[in-house]
Amino acid sequence: MDRVLRVINILLLSIVGMLLLICVSILVQGSKIDLGKVADWWAALSAVATLGTFAVALFAYRKVPDWLAPKLKDRQFKFADELIEGFCTLQLEALHLLADVSAYLKSSHQENTNFHNEHANVGIKIEMYVKNTFLMNVKMERMILWGLVPKNIQDFHNVIDRHEELFNVFIKYRRLKLSNPSNEIEGLPELQANMLSLYNNVENHHKIIIKAYDELFET
């Protein structure tokens, strides 16, 4: 962003400089100018005004790093806060969904209506989890736009990958339950142990990115 503003300021300086040269060339031709004419007075005033504008533009160009750097740094820290908070929220969502899916697989329903309602509710929660994982991945990719350079970008990708593994298992086990809604799903202890293991992987990879920012990002 700093580089873009510098380019814009250079363009503005070039335009103002061209105007300055044009006005100065008019003043140089003193023998051909009659200061009694309004047009000539206007040319002289324009030259002075353009010179002032040029000076202001030059001053602004030189001061860009002074006022932009602190603001950009503040925005980087704010984005980093939002990013880490988003990952923490996603982990909490995964934990709650783990409990919901486990209870759903364990349940027994004699009434088809009750089963389909619970099946639909769990499906909605899984869909939201998938969506939030995708949005978190998009937000993570925006780090570079704000000048945040992770010391190890793979640590962030690993977190997203572990969430994808977990929600794919949630989707798979939810479908398995459809084959026998009236009774506890077959092999439930093994399925629950697998889900718990995948969630532990999520939690462990989250711990890697929960650290001081000077340890997480390049300074």
N, C-alpha and C. Protein backbone atom coordinates (compact mmCIF):
# COMPACT_ATOMS: atom_id res chain seq x y z
N MET A 1 0.82 -1.20 0.00
CA MET A 1 0.00 0.00 0.00
C MET A 1 0.86 1.26 0.00
N ASP A 2 1.95 1.19 0.77
CA ASP A 2 2.90 2.30 0.79
C ASP A 2 3.44 2.56 -0.59
N ARG A 3 3.75 1.50 -1.34
CA ARG A 3 4.30 1.64 -2.69
C ARG A 3 3.29 2.26 -3.64
N VAL A 4 2.02 1.88 -3.50
CA VAL A 4 0.97 2.43 -4.36
C VAL A 4 0.82 3.92 -4.15
N LEU A 5 0.83 4.35 -2.88
CA LEU A 5 0.70 5.78 -2.58
C LEU A 5 1.89 6.57 -3.10
N ARG A 6 3.06 5.96 -3.06
CA ARG A 6 4.24 6.63 -3.60
C ARG A 6 4.09 6.85 -5.10
N VAL A 7 3.59 5.84 -5.80
CA VAL A 7 3.40 5.96 -7.25
C VAL A 7 2.39 7.06 -7.57
N ILE A 8 1.29 7.12 -6.80
CA ILE A 8 0.27 8.14 -7.01
C ILE A 8 0.86 9.53 -6.79
N ASN A 9 1.66 9.68 -5.73
CA ASN A 9 2.28 10.97 -5.45
C ASN A 9 3.26 11.37 -6.53
N ILE A 10 4.00 10.42 -7.07
CA ILE A 10 4.93 10.72 -8.16
C ILE A 10 4.18 11.21 -9.38
N LEU A 11 3.05 10.58 -9.69
CA LEU A 11 2.23 11.01 -10.83
C LEU A 11 1.71 12.43 -10.62
N LEU A 12 1.25 12.70 -9.40
CA LEU A 12 0.75 14.05 -9.09
C LEU A 12 1.87 15.08 -9.20
N LEU A 13 3.04 14.73 -8.72
CA LEU A 13 4.18 15.64 -8.83
C LEU A 13 4.54 15.91 -10.28
N SER A 14 4.44 14.89 -11.11
CA SER A 14 4.75 15.05 -12.53
C SER A 14 3.77 16.00 -13.20
N ILE A 15 2.47 15.83 -12.89
CA ILE A 15 1.45 16.70 -13.49
C ILE A 15 1.63 18.15 -13.05
N VAL A 16 1.82 18.31 -11.73
CA VAL A 16 2.00 19.67 -11.21
C VAL A 16 3.28 20.28 -11.76
N GLY A 17 4.33 19.49 -11.90
CA GLY A 17 5.58 19.99 -12.45
C GLY A 17 5.43 20.47 -13.88
N MET A 18 4.66 19.74 -14.67
CA MET A 18 4.42 20.15 -16.06
C MET A 18 3.68 21.48 -16.11
N LEU A 19 2.66 21.62 -15.23
CA LEU A 19 1.92 22.88 -15.17
C LEU A 19 2.84 24.02 -14.75
N LEU A 20 3.75 23.72 -13.82
CA LEU A 20 4.68 24.74 -13.35
C LEU A 20 5.59 25.21 -14.49
N LEU A 21 6.07 24.29 -15.27
CA LEU A 21 6.94 24.65 -16.38
C LEU A 21 6.22 25.51 -17.40
N ILE A 22 4.97 25.18 -17.66
CA ILE A 22 4.19 25.96 -18.62
C ILE A 22 4.01 27.40 -18.13
N CYS A 23 3.68 27.55 -16.86
CA CYS A 23 3.46 28.89 -16.31
C CYS A 23 4.75 29.70 -16.25
N VAL A 24 5.83 29.02 -15.87
CA VAL A 24 7.12 29.72 -15.81
C VAL A 24 7.55 30.20 -17.18
N SER A 25 7.27 29.37 -18.22
CA SER A 25 7.64 29.77 -19.58
C SER A 25 6.89 31.02 -20.00
N ILE A 26 5.69 31.19 -19.48
CA ILE A 26 4.91 32.40 -19.80
C ILE A 26 5.54 33.61 -19.14
N LEU A 27 6.00 33.44 -17.87
CA LEU A 27 6.61 34.56 -17.17
C LEU A 27 7.94 34.97 -17.79
N VAL A 28 8.69 33.97 -18.29
CA VAL A 28 10.00 34.25 -18.87
C VAL A 28 9.90 35.17 -20.07
N GLN A 29 8.80 35.05 -20.81
CA GLN A 29 8.61 35.89 -21.99
C GLN A 29 8.10 37.27 -21.56
N GLY A 30 8.88 37.94 -20.72
CA GLY A 30 8.45 39.23 -20.14
C GLY A 30 8.23 40.31 -21.18
N SER A 31 9.03 40.28 -22.24
CA SER A 31 8.90 41.32 -23.26
C SER A 31 7.61 41.25 -24.03
N LYS A 32 6.99 40.07 -23.96
CA LYS A 32 5.76 39.89 -24.73
C LYS A 32 4.53 39.98 -23.85
N ILE A 33 4.74 40.25 -22.57
CA ILE A 33 3.60 40.26 -21.66
C ILE A 33 3.31 41.67 -21.20
N ASP A 34 2.07 42.00 -21.27
CA ASP A 34 1.60 43.29 -20.79
C ASP A 34 0.86 43.04 -19.50
N LEU A 35 1.53 43.45 -18.37
CA LEU A 35 0.90 43.16 -17.08
C LEU A 35 -0.34 43.96 -16.84
N GLY A 36 -0.67 44.84 -17.69
CA GLY A 36 -1.90 45.60 -17.55
C GLY A 36 -3.11 44.81 -17.98
N LYS A 37 -2.85 43.71 -18.66
CA LYS A 37 -3.95 42.89 -19.13
C LYS A 37 -4.32 41.85 -18.07
N VAL A 38 -5.59 41.61 -17.98
CA VAL A 38 -6.08 40.65 -16.97
C VAL A 38 -5.50 39.27 -17.23
N ALA A 39 -5.40 38.89 -18.50
CA ALA A 39 -4.91 37.56 -18.84
C ALA A 39 -3.48 37.37 -18.38
N ASP A 40 -2.65 38.42 -18.52
CA ASP A 40 -1.26 38.31 -18.11
C ASP A 40 -1.12 38.24 -16.59
N TRP A 41 -1.94 39.05 -15.90
CA TRP A 41 -1.96 38.96 -14.45
C TRP A 41 -2.36 37.55 -14.00
N TRP A 42 -3.36 36.99 -14.68
CA TRP A 42 -3.83 35.65 -14.33
C TRP A 42 -2.74 34.60 -14.55
N ALA A 43 -1.95 34.78 -15.62
CA ALA A 43 -0.86 33.86 -15.90
C ALA A 43 0.18 33.92 -14.79
N ALA A 44 0.48 35.15 -14.34
CA ALA A 44 1.47 35.30 -13.27
C ALA A 44 0.99 34.68 -11.97
N LEU A 45 -0.28 34.92 -11.63
CA LEU A 45 -0.83 34.34 -10.41
C LEU A 45 -0.88 32.82 -10.49
N SER A 46 -1.21 32.30 -11.67
CA SER A 46 -1.28 30.85 -11.85
C SER A 46 0.08 30.22 -11.63
N ALA A 47 1.13 30.91 -12.12
CA ALA A 47 2.49 30.39 -11.93
C ALA A 47 2.84 30.30 -10.45
N VAL A 48 2.51 31.37 -9.72
CA VAL A 48 2.80 31.38 -8.28
C VAL A 48 2.01 30.29 -7.56
N ALA A 49 0.73 30.17 -7.92
CA ALA A 49 -0.13 29.16 -7.28
C ALA A 49 0.36 27.75 -7.59
N THR A 50 0.75 27.55 -8.85
CA THR A 50 1.25 26.24 -9.23
C THR A 50 2.53 25.90 -8.50
N LEU A 51 3.40 26.90 -8.32
CA LEU A 51 4.63 26.69 -7.57
C LEU A 51 4.32 26.28 -6.13
N GLY A 52 3.31 26.91 -5.54
CA GLY A 52 2.90 26.56 -4.18
C GLY A 52 2.35 25.14 -4.11
N THR A 53 1.53 24.79 -5.11
CA THR A 53 0.97 23.44 -5.16
C THR A 53 2.07 22.40 -5.28
N PHE A 54 3.05 22.72 -6.13
CA PHE A 54 4.18 21.81 -6.34
C PHE A 54 4.94 21.60 -5.02
N ALA A 55 5.14 22.68 -4.27
CA ALA A 55 5.85 22.58 -3.00
C ALA A 55 5.07 21.72 -2.00
N VAL A 56 3.74 21.91 -1.96
CA VAL A 56 2.90 21.12 -1.06
C VAL A 56 2.94 19.66 -1.44
N ALA A 57 2.85 19.38 -2.76
CA ALA A 57 2.87 18.00 -3.23
C ALA A 57 4.19 17.34 -2.90
N LEU A 58 5.29 18.08 -3.07
CA LEU A 58 6.60 17.53 -2.75
C LEU A 58 6.71 17.24 -1.25
N PHE A 59 6.19 18.14 -0.42
CA PHE A 59 6.22 17.94 1.02
C PHE A 59 5.40 16.71 1.41
N ALA A 60 4.22 16.56 0.78
CA ALA A 60 3.35 15.41 1.08
C ALA A 60 4.03 14.11 0.67
N TYR A 61 4.72 14.14 -0.48
CA TYR A 61 5.41 12.93 -0.95
C TYR A 61 6.48 12.49 0.04
N ARG A 62 7.23 13.47 0.56
CA ARG A 62 8.30 13.15 1.49
C ARG A 62 7.77 12.68 2.84
N LYS A 63 6.54 13.11 3.19
CA LYS A 63 5.98 12.78 4.49
C LYS A 63 5.15 11.51 4.49
N VAL A 64 4.93 10.89 3.31
CA VAL A 64 4.10 9.68 3.24
C VAL A 64 4.56 8.60 4.22
N PRO A 65 5.85 8.25 4.25
CA PRO A 65 6.26 7.19 5.18
C PRO A 65 6.02 7.57 6.64
N ASP A 66 6.11 8.87 6.97
CA ASP A 66 5.98 9.30 8.37
C ASP A 66 4.59 9.03 8.93
N TRP A 67 3.53 9.33 8.13
CA TRP A 67 2.19 9.15 8.67
C TRP A 67 1.57 7.82 8.28
N LEU A 68 2.05 7.22 7.17
CA LEU A 68 1.45 5.97 6.72
C LEU A 68 1.95 4.77 7.52
N ALA A 69 3.23 4.74 7.82
CA ALA A 69 3.80 3.56 8.49
C ALA A 69 3.10 3.23 9.81
N PRO A 70 2.90 4.21 10.72
CA PRO A 70 2.20 3.86 11.97
C PRO A 70 0.77 3.38 11.74
N LYS A 71 0.06 4.02 10.79
CA LYS A 71 -1.32 3.62 10.52
C LYS A 71 -1.37 2.21 9.95
N LEU A 72 -0.44 1.91 9.04
CA LEU A 72 -0.41 0.58 8.44
C LEU A 72 -0.07 -0.47 9.50
N LYS A 73 0.85 -0.14 10.38
CA LYS A 73 1.23 -1.07 11.45
C LYS A 73 0.05 -1.34 12.39
N ASP A 74 -0.70 -0.28 12.72
CA ASP A 74 -1.89 -0.45 13.57
C ASP A 74 -2.91 -1.36 12.90
N ARG A 75 -3.10 -1.16 11.59
CA ARG A 75 -4.08 -1.98 10.87
C ARG A 75 -3.61 -3.43 10.77
N GLN A 76 -2.30 -3.63 10.66
CA GLN A 76 -1.77 -4.98 10.61
C GLN A 76 -2.04 -5.71 11.92
N PHE A 77 -1.81 -5.03 13.05
CA PHE A 77 -2.06 -5.64 14.34
C PHE A 77 -3.55 -5.94 14.53
N LYS A 78 -4.40 -5.03 14.06
CA LYS A 78 -5.84 -5.25 14.17
C LYS A 78 -6.27 -6.46 13.35
N PHE A 79 -5.72 -6.58 12.14
CA PHE A 79 -6.05 -7.72 11.29
C PHE A 79 -5.54 -9.01 11.91
N ALA A 80 -4.34 -8.96 12.50
CA ALA A 80 -3.79 -10.15 13.16
C ALA A 80 -4.69 -10.58 14.32
N ASP A 81 -5.19 -9.60 15.08
CA ASP A 81 -6.11 -9.91 16.18
C ASP A 81 -7.37 -10.60 15.65
N GLU A 82 -7.93 -10.04 14.57
CA GLU A 82 -9.15 -10.60 13.98
C GLU A 82 -8.90 -12.01 13.45
N LEU A 83 -7.73 -12.21 12.88
CA LEU A 83 -7.38 -13.51 12.31
C LEU A 83 -7.29 -14.58 13.40
N ILE A 84 -6.54 -14.29 14.45
CA ILE A 84 -6.37 -15.28 15.52
C ILE A 84 -7.69 -15.51 16.25
N GLU A 85 -8.46 -14.45 16.45
CA GLU A 85 -9.77 -14.60 17.09
C GLU A 85 -10.68 -15.49 16.24
N GLY A 86 -10.60 -15.32 14.91
CA GLY A 86 -11.40 -16.15 14.01
C GLY A 86 -11.03 -17.62 14.10
N PHE A 87 -9.74 -17.90 14.21
CA PHE A 87 -9.30 -19.29 14.36
C PHE A 87 -9.78 -19.88 15.68
N CYS A 88 -9.73 -19.09 16.74
CA CYS A 88 -10.19 -19.57 18.05
C CYS A 88 -11.70 -19.88 18.02
N THR A 89 -12.45 -19.01 17.36
CA THR A 89 -13.90 -19.21 17.23
C THR A 89 -14.20 -20.47 16.44
N LEU A 90 -13.43 -20.70 15.38
CA LEU A 90 -13.62 -21.89 14.54
C LEU A 90 -13.32 -23.16 15.34
N GLN A 91 -12.30 -23.12 16.16
CA GLN A 91 -11.98 -24.29 16.99
C GLN A 91 -13.10 -24.58 17.98
N LEU A 92 -13.66 -23.54 18.58
CA LEU A 92 -14.76 -23.72 19.53
C LEU A 92 -15.98 -24.30 18.82
N GLU A 93 -16.23 -23.84 17.59
CA GLU A 93 -17.35 -24.38 16.81
C GLU A 93 -17.14 -25.87 16.54
N ALA A 94 -15.91 -26.26 16.24
CA ALA A 94 -15.61 -27.67 15.99
C ALA A 94 -15.85 -28.51 17.23
N LEU A 95 -15.49 -27.99 18.40
CA LEU A 95 -15.68 -28.72 19.65
C LEU A 95 -17.17 -28.95 19.93
N HIS A 96 -17.97 -27.91 19.76
CA HIS A 96 -19.41 -28.04 19.99
C HIS A 96 -20.04 -29.02 19.00
N LEU A 97 -19.58 -28.95 17.75
CA LEU A 97 -20.15 -29.83 16.73
C LEU A 97 -19.75 -31.28 16.97
N LEU A 98 -18.57 -31.49 17.52
CA LEU A 98 -18.14 -32.85 17.88
C LEU A 98 -19.12 -33.47 18.86
N ALA A 99 -19.54 -32.70 19.85
CA ALA A 99 -20.50 -33.19 20.84
C ALA A 99 -21.86 -33.44 20.19
N ASP A 100 -22.29 -32.55 19.31
CA ASP A 100 -23.59 -32.69 18.65
C ASP A 100 -23.63 -33.94 17.75
N VAL A 101 -22.57 -34.14 16.98
CA VAL A 101 -22.55 -35.29 16.07
C VAL A 101 -22.46 -36.59 16.87
N SER A 102 -21.69 -36.60 17.95
CA SER A 102 -21.58 -37.80 18.78
C SER A 102 -22.94 -38.17 19.38
N ALA A 103 -23.65 -37.19 19.88
CA ALA A 103 -24.98 -37.44 20.46
C ALA A 103 -25.96 -37.90 19.38
N TYR A 104 -25.84 -37.33 18.20
CA TYR A 104 -26.72 -37.71 17.08
C TYR A 104 -26.49 -39.17 16.68
N LEU A 105 -25.23 -39.59 16.60
CA LEU A 105 -24.93 -40.97 16.21
C LEU A 105 -25.38 -41.97 17.26
N LYS A 106 -25.41 -41.53 18.52
CA LYS A 106 -25.78 -42.40 19.63
C LYS A 106 -27.29 -42.51 19.82
N SER A 107 -28.02 -41.58 19.28
CA SER A 107 -29.46 -41.51 19.53
C SER A 107 -30.22 -42.63 18.83
N SER A 108 -31.38 -42.93 19.41
CA SER A 108 -32.30 -43.91 18.83
C SER A 108 -33.65 -43.24 18.67
N HIS A 109 -34.24 -43.40 17.49
CA HIS A 109 -35.51 -42.72 17.21
C HIS A 109 -36.53 -43.73 16.71
N GLN A 110 -37.66 -43.78 17.41
CA GLN A 110 -38.75 -44.61 16.95
C GLN A 110 -39.65 -43.85 15.99
N GLU A 111 -39.65 -42.54 16.12
CA GLU A 111 -40.47 -41.71 15.25
C GLU A 111 -39.60 -41.11 14.15
N ASN A 112 -40.02 -41.34 12.89
CA ASN A 112 -39.25 -40.83 11.76
C ASN A 112 -39.16 -39.30 11.77
N THR A 113 -40.24 -38.65 12.25
CA THR A 113 -40.26 -37.18 12.25
C THR A 113 -39.15 -36.63 13.14
N ASN A 114 -39.01 -37.22 14.34
CA ASN A 114 -37.96 -36.76 15.26
C ASN A 114 -36.57 -36.95 14.67
N PHE A 115 -36.37 -38.11 14.04
CA PHE A 115 -35.06 -38.38 13.46
C PHE A 115 -34.73 -37.39 12.35
N HIS A 116 -35.67 -37.16 11.46
CA HIS A 116 -35.41 -36.27 10.34
C HIS A 116 -35.17 -34.83 10.81
N ASN A 117 -35.84 -34.43 11.87
CA ASN A 117 -35.59 -33.10 12.42
C ASN A 117 -34.17 -32.98 12.95
N GLU A 118 -33.74 -34.01 13.72
CA GLU A 118 -32.39 -33.99 14.27
C GLU A 118 -31.36 -34.11 13.15
N HIS A 119 -31.65 -34.94 12.17
CA HIS A 119 -30.76 -35.12 11.02
C HIS A 119 -30.56 -33.79 10.29
N ALA A 120 -31.67 -33.06 10.10
CA ALA A 120 -31.61 -31.77 9.42
C ALA A 120 -30.84 -30.74 10.25
N ASN A 121 -31.07 -30.72 11.57
CA ASN A 121 -30.40 -29.74 12.43
C ASN A 121 -28.88 -29.96 12.45
N VAL A 122 -28.47 -31.23 12.55
CA VAL A 122 -27.04 -31.53 12.54
C VAL A 122 -26.44 -31.15 11.18
N GLY A 123 -27.21 -31.40 10.12
CA GLY A 123 -26.73 -31.04 8.78
C GLY A 123 -26.50 -29.55 8.62
N ILE A 124 -27.40 -28.76 9.19
CA ILE A 124 -27.27 -27.29 9.12
C ILE A 124 -26.00 -26.83 9.85
N LYS A 125 -25.74 -27.43 11.01
CA LYS A 125 -24.56 -27.06 11.79
C LYS A 125 -23.27 -27.45 11.06
N ILE A 126 -23.29 -28.62 10.42
CA ILE A 126 -22.11 -29.04 9.66
C ILE A 126 -21.87 -28.12 8.47
N GLU A 127 -22.95 -27.74 7.78
CA GLU A 127 -22.82 -26.83 6.64
C GLU A 127 -22.24 -25.48 7.09
N MET A 128 -22.67 -25.00 8.24
CA MET A 128 -22.16 -23.73 8.75
C MET A 128 -20.67 -23.85 9.10
N TYR A 129 -20.30 -24.99 9.65
CA TYR A 129 -18.90 -25.24 9.99
C TYR A 129 -18.03 -25.27 8.73
N VAL A 130 -18.53 -25.94 7.71
CA VAL A 130 -17.81 -25.98 6.43
C VAL A 130 -17.65 -24.57 5.86
N LYS A 131 -18.73 -23.80 5.89
CA LYS A 131 -18.71 -22.43 5.38
C LYS A 131 -17.71 -21.57 6.15
N ASN A 132 -17.73 -21.66 7.48
CA ASN A 132 -16.83 -20.85 8.30
C ASN A 132 -15.37 -21.24 8.11
N THR A 133 -15.12 -22.52 7.86
CA THR A 133 -13.76 -22.97 7.56
C THR A 133 -13.28 -22.35 6.25
N PHE A 134 -14.16 -22.35 5.26
CA PHE A 134 -13.82 -21.76 3.96
C PHE A 134 -13.55 -20.26 4.10
N LEU A 135 -14.41 -19.56 4.84
CA LEU A 135 -14.23 -18.12 5.03
C LEU A 135 -12.94 -17.82 5.80
N MET A 136 -12.60 -18.70 6.75
CA MET A 136 -11.36 -18.50 7.50
C MET A 136 -10.16 -18.67 6.59
N ASN A 137 -10.26 -19.59 5.66
CA ASN A 137 -9.17 -19.80 4.71
C ASN A 137 -9.00 -18.57 3.81
N VAL A 138 -10.11 -17.98 3.38
CA VAL A 138 -10.06 -16.77 2.55
C VAL A 138 -9.42 -15.63 3.32
N LYS A 139 -9.83 -15.48 4.58
CA LYS A 139 -9.27 -14.40 5.41
C LYS A 139 -7.78 -14.61 5.63
N MET A 140 -7.38 -15.85 5.79
CA MET A 140 -5.96 -16.16 5.99
C MET A 140 -5.14 -15.75 4.77
N GLU A 141 -5.70 -15.94 3.58
CA GLU A 141 -4.99 -15.60 2.35
C GLU A 141 -4.82 -14.10 2.19
N ARG A 142 -5.60 -13.31 2.94
CA ARG A 142 -5.50 -11.85 2.84
C ARG A 142 -4.38 -11.27 3.70
N MET A 143 -3.69 -12.11 4.45
CA MET A 143 -2.62 -11.62 5.32
C MET A 143 -1.58 -10.84 4.53
N ILE A 144 -1.21 -11.37 3.36
CA ILE A 144 -0.16 -10.75 2.56
C ILE A 144 -0.57 -9.36 2.11
N LEU A 145 -1.87 -9.19 1.83
CA LEU A 145 -2.35 -7.88 1.37
C LEU A 145 -2.11 -6.80 2.42
N TRP A 146 -2.11 -7.20 3.68
CA TRP A 146 -1.89 -6.23 4.76
C TRP A 146 -0.44 -6.20 5.21
N GLY A 147 0.41 -6.87 4.46
CA GLY A 147 1.84 -6.85 4.80
C GLY A 147 2.20 -7.77 5.94
N LEU A 148 1.30 -8.68 6.31
CA LEU A 148 1.59 -9.66 7.36
C LEU A 148 2.23 -10.88 6.72
N VAL A 149 3.47 -11.13 7.04
CA VAL A 149 4.19 -12.27 6.46
C VAL A 149 4.48 -13.28 7.57
N PRO A 150 3.78 -14.41 7.57
CA PRO A 150 4.02 -15.42 8.62
C PRO A 150 5.42 -16.01 8.49
N LYS A 151 6.01 -16.33 9.61
CA LYS A 151 7.32 -16.98 9.57
C LYS A 151 7.20 -18.39 9.00
N ASN A 152 6.01 -18.98 9.17
CA ASN A 152 5.75 -20.29 8.57
C ASN A 152 4.29 -20.35 8.15
N ILE A 153 4.02 -20.04 6.89
CA ILE A 153 2.65 -20.02 6.38
C ILE A 153 2.01 -21.40 6.45
N GLN A 154 2.84 -22.45 6.40
CA GLN A 154 2.31 -23.81 6.42
C GLN A 154 1.59 -24.11 7.74
N ASP A 155 2.00 -23.45 8.82
CA ASP A 155 1.32 -23.64 10.11
C ASP A 155 -0.16 -23.26 10.00
N PHE A 156 -0.44 -22.19 9.26
CA PHE A 156 -1.83 -21.75 9.08
C PHE A 156 -2.59 -22.70 8.15
N HIS A 157 -1.94 -23.12 7.09
CA HIS A 157 -2.58 -24.06 6.17
C HIS A 157 -2.88 -25.39 6.86
N ASN A 158 -2.00 -25.81 7.75
CA ASN A 158 -2.22 -27.07 8.47
C ASN A 158 -3.48 -27.02 9.32
N VAL A 159 -3.75 -25.87 9.93
CA VAL A 159 -4.96 -25.71 10.73
C VAL A 159 -6.20 -25.90 9.86
N ILE A 160 -6.21 -25.22 8.72
CA ILE A 160 -7.35 -25.35 7.81
C ILE A 160 -7.51 -26.79 7.34
N ASP A 161 -6.41 -27.45 7.01
CA ASP A 161 -6.46 -28.84 6.55
C ASP A 161 -7.04 -29.76 7.60
N ARG A 162 -6.69 -29.53 8.87
CA ARG A 162 -7.22 -30.39 9.94
C ARG A 162 -8.73 -30.17 10.11
N HIS A 163 -9.19 -28.94 9.94
CA HIS A 163 -10.63 -28.68 10.01
C HIS A 163 -11.35 -29.38 8.85
N GLU A 164 -10.75 -29.38 7.68
CA GLU A 164 -11.36 -30.04 6.53
C GLU A 164 -11.48 -31.55 6.77
N GLU A 165 -10.45 -32.13 7.35
CA GLU A 165 -10.51 -33.56 7.67
C GLU A 165 -11.65 -33.85 8.64
N LEU A 166 -11.81 -32.97 9.62
CA LEU A 166 -12.84 -33.19 10.63
C LEU A 166 -14.24 -33.04 10.05
N PHE A 167 -14.48 -31.99 9.29
CA PHE A 167 -15.86 -31.82 8.79
C PHE A 167 -16.20 -32.88 7.73
N ASN A 168 -15.21 -33.42 7.01
CA ASN A 168 -15.49 -34.50 6.05
C ASN A 168 -15.94 -35.77 6.77
N VAL A 169 -15.37 -36.02 7.95
CA VAL A 169 -15.78 -37.18 8.75
C VAL A 169 -17.17 -36.94 9.33
N PHE A 170 -17.46 -35.72 9.75
CA PHE A 170 -18.81 -35.40 10.23
C PHE A 170 -19.84 -35.70 9.14
N ILE A 171 -19.55 -35.27 7.94
CA ILE A 171 -20.46 -35.48 6.81
C ILE A 171 -20.64 -36.99 6.54
N LYS A 172 -19.54 -37.72 6.57
CA LYS A 172 -19.58 -39.16 6.30
C LYS A 172 -20.40 -39.91 7.34
N TYR A 173 -20.18 -39.61 8.63
CA TYR A 173 -20.87 -40.33 9.70
C TYR A 173 -22.34 -39.95 9.76
N ARG A 174 -22.66 -38.74 9.40
CA ARG A 174 -24.07 -38.32 9.36
C ARG A 174 -24.83 -39.15 8.32
N ARG A 175 -24.20 -39.42 7.20
CA ARG A 175 -24.83 -40.23 6.16
C ARG A 175 -24.99 -41.69 6.62
N LEU A 176 -24.01 -42.18 7.38
CA LEU A 176 -24.09 -43.56 7.87
C LEU A 176 -25.30 -43.76 8.77
N LYS A 177 -25.62 -42.73 9.54
CA LYS A 177 -26.74 -42.82 10.49
C LYS A 177 -28.07 -43.02 9.75
N LEU A 178 -28.15 -42.57 8.53
CA LEU A 178 -29.39 -42.72 7.76
C LEU A 178 -29.77 -44.18 7.54
N SER A 179 -28.80 -45.08 7.55
CA SER A 179 -29.07 -46.50 7.29
C SER A 179 -29.79 -47.18 8.46
N ASN A 180 -29.68 -46.60 9.67
CA ASN A 180 -30.32 -47.22 10.82
C ASN A 180 -30.69 -46.15 11.85
N PRO A 181 -31.71 -45.37 11.56
CA PRO A 181 -32.06 -44.25 12.46
C PRO A 181 -32.66 -44.70 13.79
N SER A 182 -33.18 -45.91 13.85
CA SER A 182 -33.89 -46.35 15.06
C SER A 182 -32.96 -46.81 16.17
N ASN A 183 -31.71 -47.13 15.81
CA ASN A 183 -30.78 -47.65 16.81
C ASN A 183 -29.45 -46.90 16.77
N GLU A 184 -28.68 -47.14 17.83
CA GLU A 184 -27.35 -46.56 17.88
C GLU A 184 -26.54 -47.07 16.70
N ILE A 185 -25.78 -46.20 16.07
CA ILE A 185 -25.03 -46.58 14.88
C ILE A 185 -24.00 -47.65 15.22
N GLU A 186 -23.81 -48.59 14.32
CA GLU A 186 -22.90 -49.69 14.56
C GLU A 186 -21.44 -49.19 14.61
N GLY A 187 -20.67 -49.72 15.55
CA GLY A 187 -19.27 -49.33 15.69
C GLY A 187 -19.09 -47.93 16.22
N LEU A 188 -20.04 -47.48 17.04
CA LEU A 188 -20.02 -46.11 17.55
C LEU A 188 -18.74 -45.78 18.33
N PRO A 189 -18.25 -46.63 19.23
CA PRO A 189 -17.03 -46.26 19.98
C PRO A 189 -15.85 -45.95 19.06
N GLU A 190 -15.71 -46.75 18.00
CA GLU A 190 -14.60 -46.51 17.07
C GLU A 190 -14.80 -45.19 16.31
N LEU A 191 -16.04 -44.91 15.94
CA LEU A 191 -16.32 -43.67 15.21
C LEU A 191 -16.07 -42.45 16.10
N GLN A 192 -16.52 -42.55 17.36
CA GLN A 192 -16.31 -41.45 18.30
C GLN A 192 -14.82 -41.23 18.57
N ALA A 193 -14.08 -42.34 18.69
CA ALA A 193 -12.64 -42.24 18.94
C ALA A 193 -11.94 -41.58 17.74
N ASN A 194 -12.41 -41.90 16.54
CA ASN A 194 -11.81 -41.30 15.34
C ASN A 194 -12.09 -39.80 15.29
N MET A 195 -13.33 -39.41 15.59
CA MET A 195 -13.68 -37.99 15.59
C MET A 195 -12.88 -37.23 16.64
N LEU A 196 -12.74 -37.84 17.83
CA LEU A 196 -12.00 -37.19 18.90
C LEU A 196 -10.53 -37.02 18.52
N SER A 197 -9.97 -38.04 17.86
CA SER A 197 -8.58 -37.96 17.42
C SER A 197 -8.39 -36.83 16.40
N LEU A 198 -9.33 -36.70 15.48
CA LEU A 198 -9.25 -35.63 14.48
C LEU A 198 -9.40 -34.25 15.13
N TYR A 199 -10.28 -34.18 16.13
CA TYR A 199 -10.42 -32.89 16.82
C TYR A 199 -9.15 -32.55 17.59
N ASN A 200 -8.52 -33.55 18.20
CA ASN A 200 -7.27 -33.29 18.92
C ASN A 200 -6.19 -32.77 17.96
N ASN A 201 -6.20 -33.27 16.73
CA ASN A 201 -5.27 -32.76 15.72
C ASN A 201 -5.55 -31.28 15.43
N VAL A 202 -6.84 -30.94 15.35
CA VAL A 202 -7.23 -29.54 15.15
C VAL A 202 -6.69 -28.68 16.29
N GLU A 203 -6.94 -29.14 17.51
CA GLU A 203 -6.52 -28.38 18.70
C GLU A 203 -5.00 -28.22 18.75
N ASN A 204 -4.27 -29.28 18.45
CA ASN A 204 -2.81 -29.22 18.51
C ASN A 204 -2.23 -28.26 17.49
N HIS A 205 -2.82 -28.22 16.31
CA HIS A 205 -2.32 -27.30 15.28
C HIS A 205 -2.72 -25.85 15.59
N HIS A 206 -3.84 -25.68 16.27
CA HIS A 206 -4.21 -24.34 16.71
C HIS A 206 -3.19 -23.80 17.71
N LYS A 207 -2.71 -24.64 18.58
CA LYS A 207 -1.75 -24.20 19.60
C LYS A 207 -0.47 -23.66 18.95
N ILE A 208 -0.15 -24.15 17.77
CA ILE A 208 1.08 -23.71 17.10
C ILE A 208 1.00 -22.25 16.67
N ILE A 209 -0.21 -21.78 16.32
CA ILE A 209 -0.35 -20.41 15.83
C ILE A 209 -0.81 -19.45 16.93
N ILE A 210 -1.01 -19.96 18.13
CA ILE A 210 -1.36 -19.09 19.26
C ILE A 210 -0.08 -18.74 20.01
N LYS A 211 0.53 -17.65 19.59
CA LYS A 211 1.79 -17.22 20.19
C LYS A 211 1.95 -15.72 19.98
N ALA A 212 2.98 -15.15 20.55
CA ALA A 212 3.25 -13.72 20.40
C ALA A 212 3.44 -13.39 18.92
N TYR A 213 2.97 -12.21 18.51
CA TYR A 213 3.01 -11.85 17.10
C TYR A 213 4.43 -11.75 16.55
N ASP A 214 5.38 -11.35 17.38
CA ASP A 214 6.76 -11.26 16.89
C ASP A 214 7.36 -12.65 16.65
N GLU A 215 6.73 -13.69 17.21
CA GLU A 215 7.15 -15.06 16.95
C GLU A 215 6.38 -15.67 15.78
N LEU A 216 5.23 -15.07 15.48
CA LEU A 216 4.34 -15.61 14.45
C LEU A 216 4.57 -14.98 13.09
N PHE A 217 4.88 -13.65 13.08
CA PHE A 217 5.03 -12.92 11.82
C PHE A 217 6.41 -12.30 11.71
N GLU A 218 6.83 -12.08 10.47
CA GLU A 218 8.08 -11.38 10.22
C GLU A 218 7.91 -9.91 10.62
N THR A 219 8.91 -9.31 11.21
CA THR A 219 8.82 -7.93 11.66
C THR A 219 9.65 -7.02 10.75
